[in-house]
PDB file of N, CA and C in Angstrom:
ATOM      1  N   UNK A   1      11.421  24.886-134.344  1.00  0.00           N
ATOM      2  CA  UNK A   1      11.963  23.565-134.108  1.00  0.00           C
ATOM      3  C   UNK A   1      12.533  23.023-135.417  1.00  0.00           C
ATOM      4  N   UNK A   2      13.642  22.342-135.337  1.00  0.00           N
ATOM      5  CA  UNK A   2      14.309  21.802-136.515  1.00  0.00           C
ATOM      6  C   UNK A   2      14.349  20.285-136.440  1.00  0.00           C
ATOM      7  N   UNK A   3      14.387  19.681-137.626  1.00  0.00           N
ATOM      8  CA  UNK A   3      14.361  18.216-137.708  1.00  0.00           C
ATOM      9  C   UNK A   3      15.279  17.729-138.815  1.00  0.00           C
ATOM     10  N   UNK A   4      15.720  16.489-138.664  1.00  0.00           N
ATOM     11  CA  UNK A   4      16.389  15.769-139.730  1.00  0.00           C
ATOM     12  C   UNK A   4      15.441  14.655-140.156  1.00  0.00           C
ATOM     13  N   UNK A   5      15.130  14.610-141.432  1.00  0.00           N
ATOM     14  CA  UNK A   5      14.264  13.566-141.975  1.00  0.00           C
ATOM     15  C   UNK A   5      15.109  12.728-142.923  1.00  0.00           C
ATOM     16  N   UNK A   6      15.116  11.430-142.720  1.00  0.00           N
ATOM     17  CA  UNK A   6      15.865  10.544-143.602  1.00  0.00           C
ATOM     18  C   UNK A   6      14.939  10.119-144.734  1.00  0.00           C
ATOM     19  N   UNK A   7      15.212  10.636-145.941  1.00  0.00           N
ATOM     20  CA  UNK A   7      14.387  10.297-147.102  1.00  0.00           C
ATOM     21  C   UNK A   7      14.727   8.913-147.623  1.00  0.00           C
ATOM     22  N   UNK A   8      16.028   8.609-147.712  1.00  0.00           N
ATOM     23  CA  UNK A   8      16.498   7.288-148.126  1.00  0.00           C
ATOM     24  C   UNK A   8      17.941   7.154-147.662  1.00  0.00           C
ATOM     25  N   UNK A   9      18.632   6.083-148.049  1.00  0.00           N
ATOM     26  CA  UNK A   9      19.999   5.849-147.588  1.00  0.00           C
ATOM     27  C   UNK A   9      20.962   6.962-147.970  1.00  0.00           C
ATOM     28  N   UNK A  10      20.690   7.649-149.064  1.00  0.00           N
ATOM     29  CA  UNK A  10      21.619   8.648-149.577  1.00  0.00           C
ATOM     30  C   UNK A  10      21.221  10.093-149.300  1.00  0.00           C
ATOM     31  N   UNK A  11      19.941  10.344-149.029  1.00  0.00           N
ATOM     32  CA  UNK A  11      19.452  11.721-148.910  1.00  0.00           C
ATOM     33  C   UNK A  11      18.743  11.949-147.586  1.00  0.00           C
ATOM     34  N   UNK A  12      19.204  12.969-146.877  1.00  0.00           N
ATOM     35  CA  UNK A  12      18.546  13.423-145.657  1.00  0.00           C
ATOM     36  C   UNK A  12      18.077  14.839-145.903  1.00  0.00           C
ATOM     37  N   UNK A  13      17.045  15.255-145.180  1.00  0.00           N
ATOM     38  CA  UNK A  13      16.473  16.588-145.355  1.00  0.00           C
ATOM     39  C   UNK A  13      16.414  17.303-144.010  1.00  0.00           C
ATOM     40  N   UNK A  14      16.867  18.559-144.011  1.00  0.00           N
ATOM     41  CA  UNK A  14      16.724  19.406-142.829  1.00  0.00           C
ATOM     42  C   UNK A  14      15.476  20.247-142.987  1.00  0.00           C
ATOM     43  N   UNK A  15      14.766  20.449-141.897  1.00  0.00           N
ATOM     44  CA  UNK A  15      13.596  21.318-141.953  1.00  0.00           C
ATOM     45  C   UNK A  15      13.584  22.211-140.723  1.00  0.00           C
ATOM     46  N   UNK A  16      12.930  23.351-140.879  1.00  0.00           N
ATOM     47  CA  UNK A  16      12.822  24.300-139.776  1.00  0.00           C
ATOM     48  C   UNK A  16      13.921  25.341-139.813  1.00  0.00           C
ATOM     49  N   UNK A  17      14.272  25.834-138.654  1.00  0.00           N
ATOM     50  CA  UNK A  17      15.219  26.928-138.503  1.00  0.00           C
ATOM     51  C   UNK A  17      16.631  26.408-138.247  1.00  0.00           C
ATOM     52  N   UNK A  18      17.621  27.006-138.925  1.00  0.00           N
ATOM     53  CA  UNK A  18      19.027  26.721-138.645  1.00  0.00           C
ATOM     54  C   UNK A  18      19.599  27.977-138.006  1.00  0.00           C
ATOM     55  N   UNK A  19      19.602  27.995-136.683  1.00  0.00           N
ATOM     56  CA  UNK A  19      20.014  29.197-135.955  1.00  0.00           C
ATOM     57  C   UNK A  19      20.812  28.800-134.720  1.00  0.00           C
ATOM     58  N   UNK A  20      21.301  29.814-134.006  1.00  0.00           N
ATOM     59  CA  UNK A  20      22.055  29.560-132.779  1.00  0.00           C
ATOM     60  C   UNK A  20      21.254  28.686-131.813  1.00  0.00           C
ATOM     61  N   UNK A  21      19.944  28.824-131.825  1.00  0.00           N
ATOM     62  CA  UNK A  21      19.095  28.078-130.894  1.00  0.00           C
ATOM     63  C   UNK A  21      18.920  26.611-131.285  1.00  0.00           C
ATOM     64  N   UNK A  22      19.172  26.258-132.550  1.00  0.00           N
ATOM     65  CA  UNK A  22      18.854  24.903-133.000  1.00  0.00           C
ATOM     66  C   UNK A  22      20.038  24.069-133.469  1.00  0.00           C
ATOM     67  N   UNK A  23      21.139  24.692-133.874  1.00  0.00           N
ATOM     68  CA  UNK A  23      22.204  23.921-134.528  1.00  0.00           C
ATOM     69  C   UNK A  23      22.929  22.958-133.589  1.00  0.00           C
ATOM     70  N   UNK A  24      23.028  23.262-132.319  1.00  0.00           N
ATOM     71  CA  UNK A  24      23.691  22.347-131.395  1.00  0.00           C
ATOM     72  C   UNK A  24      23.002  20.995-131.351  1.00  0.00           C
ATOM     73  N   UNK A  25      21.697  21.016-131.200  1.00  0.00           N
ATOM     74  CA  UNK A  25      20.924  19.771-131.161  1.00  0.00           C
ATOM     75  C   UNK A  25      20.960  19.058-132.512  1.00  0.00           C
ATOM     76  N   UNK A  26      20.907  19.827-133.597  1.00  0.00           N
ATOM     77  CA  UNK A  26      20.973  19.222-134.932  1.00  0.00           C
ATOM     78  C   UNK A  26      22.317  18.547-135.176  1.00  0.00           C
ATOM     79  N   UNK A  27      23.395  19.182-134.745  1.00  0.00           N
ATOM     80  CA  UNK A  27      24.718  18.594-134.927  1.00  0.00           C
ATOM     81  C   UNK A  27      24.837  17.290-134.152  1.00  0.00           C
ATOM     82  N   UNK A  28      24.344  17.280-132.930  1.00  0.00           N
ATOM     83  CA  UNK A  28      24.367  16.056-132.127  1.00  0.00           C
ATOM     84  C   UNK A  28      23.551  14.962-132.792  1.00  0.00           C
ATOM     85  N   UNK A  29      22.351  15.303-133.238  1.00  0.00           N
ATOM     86  CA  UNK A  29      21.485  14.319-133.895  1.00  0.00           C
ATOM     87  C   UNK A  29      22.137  13.798-135.173  1.00  0.00           C
ATOM     88  N   UNK A  30      22.685  14.698-135.978  1.00  0.00           N
ATOM     89  CA  UNK A  30      23.329  14.283-137.222  1.00  0.00           C
ATOM     90  C   UNK A  30      24.493  13.337-136.925  1.00  0.00           C
ATOM     91  N   UNK A  31      25.340  13.699-135.983  1.00  0.00           N
ATOM     92  CA  UNK A  31      26.505  12.877-135.662  1.00  0.00           C
ATOM     93  C   UNK A  31      26.106  11.486-135.196  1.00  0.00           C
ATOM     94  N   UNK A  32      25.063  11.402-134.395  1.00  0.00           N
ATOM     95  CA  UNK A  32      24.598  10.098-133.915  1.00  0.00           C
ATOM     96  C   UNK A  32      24.042   9.261-135.057  1.00  0.00           C
ATOM     97  N   UNK A  33      23.209   9.870-135.891  1.00  0.00           N
ATOM     98  CA  UNK A  33      22.600   9.132-136.996  1.00  0.00           C
ATOM     99  C   UNK A  33      23.602   8.768-138.080  1.00  0.00           C
ATOM    100  N   UNK A  34      24.598   9.626-138.284  1.00  0.00           N
ATOM    101  CA  UNK A  34      25.559   9.420-139.371  1.00  0.00           C
ATOM    102  C   UNK A  34      26.728   8.535-138.960  1.00  0.00           C
ATOM    103  N   UNK A  35      26.775   8.106-137.711  1.00  0.00           N
ATOM    104  CA  UNK A  35      27.897   7.301-137.242  1.00  0.00           C
ATOM    105  C   UNK A  35      28.078   6.043-138.084  1.00  0.00           C
ATOM    106  N   UNK A  36      26.988   5.429-138.482  1.00  0.00           N
ATOM    107  CA  UNK A  36      27.069   4.211-139.292  1.00  0.00           C
ATOM    108  C   UNK A  36      27.230   4.510-140.773  1.00  0.00           C
ATOM    109  N   UNK A  37      26.412   5.412-141.279  1.00  0.00           N
ATOM    110  CA  UNK A  37      26.468   5.744-142.705  1.00  0.00           C
ATOM    111  C   UNK A  37      25.910   7.149-142.929  1.00  0.00           C
ATOM    112  N   UNK A  38      26.790   8.112-143.180  1.00  0.00           N
ATOM    113  CA  UNK A  38      26.311   9.474-143.433  1.00  0.00           C
ATOM    114  C   UNK A  38      25.659   9.566-144.810  1.00  0.00           C
ATOM    115  N   UNK A  39      24.793  10.546-144.998  1.00  0.00           N
ATOM    116  CA  UNK A  39      24.141  10.699-146.303  1.00  0.00           C
ATOM    117  C   UNK A  39      25.115  11.268-147.334  1.00  0.00           C
ATOM    118  N   UNK A  40      24.778  11.087-148.584  1.00  0.00           N
ATOM    119  CA  UNK A  40      25.546  11.696-149.671  1.00  0.00           C
ATOM    120  C   UNK A  40      25.011  13.089-149.984  1.00  0.00           C
ATOM    121  N   UNK A  41      23.712  13.311-149.680  1.00  0.00           N
ATOM    122  CA  UNK A  41      23.050  14.582-149.980  1.00  0.00           C
ATOM    123  C   UNK A  41      22.282  15.053-148.750  1.00  0.00           C
ATOM    124  N   UNK A  42      22.414  16.331-148.461  1.00  0.00           N
ATOM    125  CA  UNK A  42      21.621  16.960-147.409  1.00  0.00           C
ATOM    126  C   UNK A  42      20.785  18.042-148.078  1.00  0.00           C
ATOM    127  N   UNK A  43      19.479  17.853-148.090  1.00  0.00           N
ATOM    128  CA  UNK A  43      18.556  18.764-148.755  1.00  0.00           C
ATOM    129  C   UNK A  43      18.039  19.790-147.753  1.00  0.00           C
ATOM    130  N   UNK A  44      18.162  21.068-148.114  1.00  0.00           N
ATOM    131  CA  UNK A  44      17.755  22.153-147.228  1.00  0.00           C
ATOM    132  C   UNK A  44      16.485  22.856-147.709  1.00  0.00           C
ATOM    133  N   UNK A  45      15.717  22.200-148.552  1.00  0.00           N
ATOM    134  CA  UNK A  45      14.522  22.810-149.137  1.00  0.00           C
ATOM    135  C   UNK A  45      13.545  23.313-148.075  1.00  0.00           C
ATOM    136  N   UNK A  46      13.407  22.588-146.977  1.00  0.00           N
ATOM    137  CA  UNK A  46      12.420  22.936-145.948  1.00  0.00           C
ATOM    138  C   UNK A  46      12.979  23.812-144.829  1.00  0.00           C
ATOM    139  N   UNK A  47      14.173  24.368-145.015  1.00  0.00           N
ATOM    140  CA  UNK A  47      14.729  25.287-144.015  1.00  0.00           C
ATOM    141  C   UNK A  47      13.987  26.617-144.138  1.00  0.00           C
ATOM    142  N   UNK A  48      13.462  27.086-143.024  1.00  0.00           N
ATOM    143  CA  UNK A  48      12.635  28.295-143.044  1.00  0.00           C
ATOM    144  C   UNK A  48      13.419  29.571-142.769  1.00  0.00           C
ATOM    145  N   UNK A  49      14.502  29.453-141.997  1.00  0.00           N
ATOM    146  CA  UNK A  49      15.313  30.628-141.654  1.00  0.00           C
ATOM    147  C   UNK A  49      16.689  30.131-141.253  1.00  0.00           C
ATOM    148  N   UNK A  50      17.697  30.959-141.516  1.00  0.00           N
ATOM    149  CA  UNK A  50      19.054  30.586-141.131  1.00  0.00           C
ATOM    150  C   UNK A  50      19.832  31.819-140.722  1.00  0.00           C
ATOM    151  N   UNK A  51      20.881  31.598-139.960  1.00  0.00           N
ATOM    152  CA  UNK A  51      21.804  32.676-139.609  1.00  0.00           C
ATOM    153  C   UNK A  51      23.220  32.107-139.726  1.00  0.00           C
ATOM    154  N   UNK A  52      24.192  32.804-139.189  1.00  0.00           N
ATOM    155  CA  UNK A  52      25.579  32.357-139.334  1.00  0.00           C
ATOM    156  C   UNK A  52      25.829  31.007-138.657  1.00  0.00           C
ATOM    157  N   UNK A  53      25.053  30.667-137.653  1.00  0.00           N
ATOM    158  CA  UNK A  53      25.199  29.358-137.008  1.00  0.00           C
ATOM    159  C   UNK A  53      24.787  28.243-137.968  1.00  0.00           C
ATOM    160  N   UNK A  54      23.779  28.499-138.791  1.00  0.00           N
ATOM    161  CA  UNK A  54      23.386  27.516-139.802  1.00  0.00           C
ATOM    162  C   UNK A  54      24.485  27.296-140.821  1.00  0.00           C
ATOM    163  N   UNK A  55      25.137  28.376-141.221  1.00  0.00           N
ATOM    164  CA  UNK A  55      26.269  28.279-142.138  1.00  0.00           C
ATOM    165  C   UNK A  55      27.404  27.494-141.496  1.00  0.00           C
ATOM    166  N   UNK A  56      27.692  27.783-140.248  1.00  0.00           N
ATOM    167  CA  UNK A  56      28.742  27.052-139.528  1.00  0.00           C
ATOM    168  C   UNK A  56      28.404  25.565-139.431  1.00  0.00           C
ATOM    169  N   UNK A  57      27.133  25.246-139.263  1.00  0.00           N
ATOM    170  CA  UNK A  57      26.703  23.854-139.219  1.00  0.00           C
ATOM    171  C   UNK A  57      27.058  23.143-140.520  1.00  0.00           C
ATOM    172  N   UNK A  58      26.756  23.752-141.661  1.00  0.00           N
ATOM    173  CA  UNK A  58      27.062  23.115-142.944  1.00  0.00           C
ATOM    174  C   UNK A  58      28.565  22.907-143.120  1.00  0.00           C
ATOM    175  N   UNK A  59      29.344  23.886-142.710  1.00  0.00           N
ATOM    176  CA  UNK A  59      30.798  23.755-142.823  1.00  0.00           C
ATOM    177  C   UNK A  59      31.296  22.615-141.938  1.00  0.00           C
ATOM    178  N   UNK A  60      30.752  22.515-140.736  1.00  0.00           N
ATOM    179  CA  UNK A  60      31.118  21.429-139.826  1.00  0.00           C
ATOM    180  C   UNK A  60      30.712  20.071-140.398  1.00  0.00           C
ATOM    181  N   UNK A  61      29.515  19.982-140.948  1.00  0.00           N
ATOM    182  CA  UNK A  61      29.056  18.715-141.527  1.00  0.00           C
ATOM    183  C   UNK A  61      29.915  18.315-142.713  1.00  0.00           C
ATOM    184  N   UNK A  62      30.294  19.280-143.522  1.00  0.00           N
ATOM    185  CA  UNK A  62      31.182  18.986-144.654  1.00  0.00           C
ATOM    186  C   UNK A  62      32.509  18.452-144.131  1.00  0.00           C
ATOM    187  N   UNK A  63      33.011  19.023-143.050  1.00  0.00           N
ATOM    188  CA  UNK A  63      34.255  18.563-142.454  1.00  0.00           C
ATOM    189  C   UNK A  63      34.151  17.157-141.886  1.00  0.00           C
ATOM    190  N   UNK A  64      32.997  16.822-141.324  1.00  0.00           N
ATOM    191  CA  UNK A  64      32.794  15.489-140.746  1.00  0.00           C
ATOM    192  C   UNK A  64      32.694  14.408-141.812  1.00  0.00           C
ATOM    193  N   UNK A  65      32.419  14.784-143.036  1.00  0.00           N
ATOM    194  CA  UNK A  65      32.240  13.799-144.112  1.00  0.00           C
ATOM    195  C   UNK A  65      33.333  13.951-145.179  1.00  0.00           C
ATOM    196  N   UNK A  66      34.546  14.301-144.753  1.00  0.00           N
ATOM    197  CA  UNK A  66      35.647  14.531-145.696  1.00  0.00           C
ATOM    198  C   UNK A  66      35.934  13.326-146.584  1.00  0.00           C
ATOM    199  N   UNK A  67      35.868  12.112-146.016  1.00  0.00           N
ATOM    200  CA  UNK A  67      36.193  10.911-146.777  1.00  0.00           C
ATOM    201  C   UNK A  67      35.235  10.721-147.950  1.00  0.00           C
ATOM    202  N   UNK A  68      33.987  11.045-147.749  1.00  0.00           N
ATOM    203  CA  UNK A  68      32.962  10.965-148.800  1.00  0.00           C
ATOM    204  C   UNK A  68      32.133  12.243-148.678  1.00  0.00           C
ATOM    205  N   UNK A  69      32.635  13.340-149.230  1.00  0.00           N
ATOM    206  CA  UNK A  69      31.978  14.641-149.029  1.00  0.00           C
ATOM    207  C   UNK A  69      30.487  14.637-149.367  1.00  0.00           C
ATOM    208  N   UNK A  70      29.749  15.222-148.476  1.00  0.00           N
ATOM    209  CA  UNK A  70      28.308  15.349-148.634  1.00  0.00           C
ATOM    210  C   UNK A  70      28.012  16.565-149.504  1.00  0.00           C
ATOM    211  N   UNK A  71      27.021  16.440-150.367  1.00  0.00           N
ATOM    212  CA  UNK A  71      26.572  17.562-151.187  1.00  0.00           C
ATOM    213  C   UNK A  71      25.351  18.192-150.539  1.00  0.00           C
ATOM    214  N   UNK A  72      25.233  19.511-150.686  1.00  0.00           N
ATOM    215  CA  UNK A  72      24.076  20.235-150.170  1.00  0.00           C
ATOM    216  C   UNK A  72      23.186  20.621-151.333  1.00  0.00           C
ATOM    217  N   UNK A  73      21.891  20.424-151.152  1.00  0.00           N
ATOM    218  CA  UNK A  73      20.913  20.742-152.191  1.00  0.00           C
ATOM    219  C   UNK A  73      19.909  21.742-151.633  1.00  0.00           C
ATOM    220  N   UNK A  74      19.462  22.648-152.491  1.00  0.00           N
ATOM    221  CA  UNK A  74      18.449  23.655-152.130  1.00  0.00           C
ATOM    222  C   UNK A  74      18.901  24.537-150.974  1.00  0.00           C
ATOM    223  N   UNK A  75      20.123  25.040-151.076  1.00  0.00           N
ATOM    224  CA  UNK A  75      20.652  25.943-150.046  1.00  0.00           C
ATOM    225  C   UNK A  75      19.876  27.257-150.114  1.00  0.00           C
ATOM    226  N   UNK A  76      19.348  27.732-148.982  1.00  0.00           N
ATOM    227  CA  UNK A  76      18.594  28.992-148.984  1.00  0.00           C
ATOM    228  C   UNK A  76      19.455  30.170-149.454  1.00  0.00           C
ATOM    229  N   UNK A  77      18.835  31.088-150.158  1.00  0.00           N
ATOM    230  CA  UNK A  77      19.526  32.268-150.665  1.00  0.00           C
ATOM    231  C   UNK A  77      20.200  33.048-149.542  1.00  0.00           C
ATOM    232  N   UNK A  78      19.528  33.151-148.405  1.00  0.00           N
ATOM    233  CA  UNK A  78      20.081  33.858-147.249  1.00  0.00           C
ATOM    234  C   UNK A  78      21.424  33.238-146.828  1.00  0.00           C
ATOM    235  N   UNK A  79      21.521  31.917-146.898  1.00  0.00           N
ATOM    236  CA  UNK A  79      22.754  31.244-146.516  1.00  0.00           C
ATOM    237  C   UNK A  79      23.858  31.504-147.542  1.00  0.00           C
ATOM    238  N   UNK A  80      23.501  31.519-148.838  1.00  0.00           N
ATOM    239  CA  UNK A  80      24.486  31.851-149.870  1.00  0.00           C
ATOM    240  C   UNK A  80      25.056  33.252-149.645  1.00  0.00           C
ATOM    241  N   UNK A  81      24.189  34.192-149.283  1.00  0.00           N
ATOM    242  CA  UNK A  81      24.649  35.564-149.043  1.00  0.00           C
ATOM    243  C   UNK A  81      25.604  35.617-147.856  1.00  0.00           C
ATOM    244  N   UNK A  82      25.274  34.916-146.774  1.00  0.00           N
ATOM    245  CA  UNK A  82      26.163  34.870-145.613  1.00  0.00           C
ATOM    246  C   UNK A  82      27.500  34.231-145.980  1.00  0.00           C
ATOM    247  N   UNK A  83      27.458  33.171-146.767  1.00  0.00           N
ATOM    248  CA  UNK A  83      28.687  32.486-147.175  1.00  0.00           C
ATOM    249  C   UNK A  83      29.552  33.399-148.031  1.00  0.00           C
ATOM    250  N   UNK A  84      28.932  34.148-148.939  1.00  0.00           N
ATOM    251  CA  UNK A  84      29.682  35.064-149.801  1.00  0.00           C
ATOM    252  C   UNK A  84      30.320  36.179-148.970  1.00  0.00           C
ATOM    253  N   UNK A  85      29.566  36.731-148.035  1.00  0.00           N
ATOM    254  CA  UNK A  85      30.104  37.781-147.167  1.00  0.00           C
ATOM    255  C   UNK A  85      31.269  37.270-146.314  1.00  0.00           C
ATOM    256  N   UNK A  86      31.204  35.998-145.957  1.00  0.00           N
ATOM    257  CA  UNK A  86      32.234  35.395-145.110  1.00  0.00           C
ATOM    258  C   UNK A  86      33.392  34.821-145.910  1.00  0.00           C
ATOM    259  N   UNK A  87      33.223  34.756-147.241  1.00  0.00           N
ATOM    260  CA  UNK A  87      34.266  34.203-148.085  1.00  0.00           C
ATOM    261  C   UNK A  87      34.373  32.689-148.040  1.00  0.00           C
ATOM    262  N   UNK A  88      33.265  32.014-147.684  1.00  0.00           N
ATOM    263  CA  UNK A  88      33.295  30.550-147.571  1.00  0.00           C
ATOM    264  C   UNK A  88      32.305  29.876-148.522  1.00  0.00           C
ATOM    265  N   UNK A  89      31.857  30.589-149.551  1.00  0.00           N
ATOM    266  CA  UNK A  89      30.847  30.009-150.439  1.00  0.00           C
ATOM    267  C   UNK A  89      31.315  28.729-151.103  1.00  0.00           C
ATOM    268  N   UNK A  90      32.614  28.582-151.365  1.00  0.00           N
ATOM    269  CA  UNK A  90      33.124  27.355-151.982  1.00  0.00           C
ATOM    270  C   UNK A  90      33.049  26.165-151.033  1.00  0.00           C
ATOM    271  N   UNK A  91      32.970  26.423-149.745  1.00  0.00           N
ATOM    272  CA  UNK A  91      32.887  25.333-148.769  1.00  0.00           C
ATOM    273  C   UNK A  91      31.506  24.692-148.725  1.00  0.00           C
ATOM    274  N   UNK A  92      30.492  25.408-149.180  1.00  0.00           N
ATOM    275  CA  UNK A  92      29.137  24.844-149.137  1.00  0.00           C
ATOM    276  C   UNK A  92      28.580  24.573-150.522  1.00  0.00           C
ATOM    277  N   UNK A  93      29.186  25.130-151.531  1.00  0.00           N
ATOM    278  CA  UNK A  93      28.701  24.988-152.903  1.00  0.00           C
ATOM    279  C   UNK A  93      29.565  23.977-153.632  1.00  0.00           C
ATOM    280  N   UNK A  94      28.923  23.096-154.366  1.00  0.00           N
ATOM    281  CA  UNK A  94      29.669  22.075-155.108  1.00  0.00           C
ATOM    282  C   UNK A  94      30.147  22.590-156.434  1.00  0.00           C
TER     283      UNK A  94
END
């Protein structure tokens, strides 16, 4: 199970699994919560596992916050490897 935890006005934290089974619900939750004010930082420290759907989620979230790009913190190594293999590491790395 995955969750979004709002630490403060600027920082939100994802926890749990970022996979095909969880990203749809996370994207919906993020979009609803961010409608008024999206975070400046999304911390992934508590992400336990990820796959290509998790990477796609980050790319989508970055796209949704183009006006004030969100930064990602504590990106799992597994996600960096997927991004490098896909040639999109610059899209998730600041």
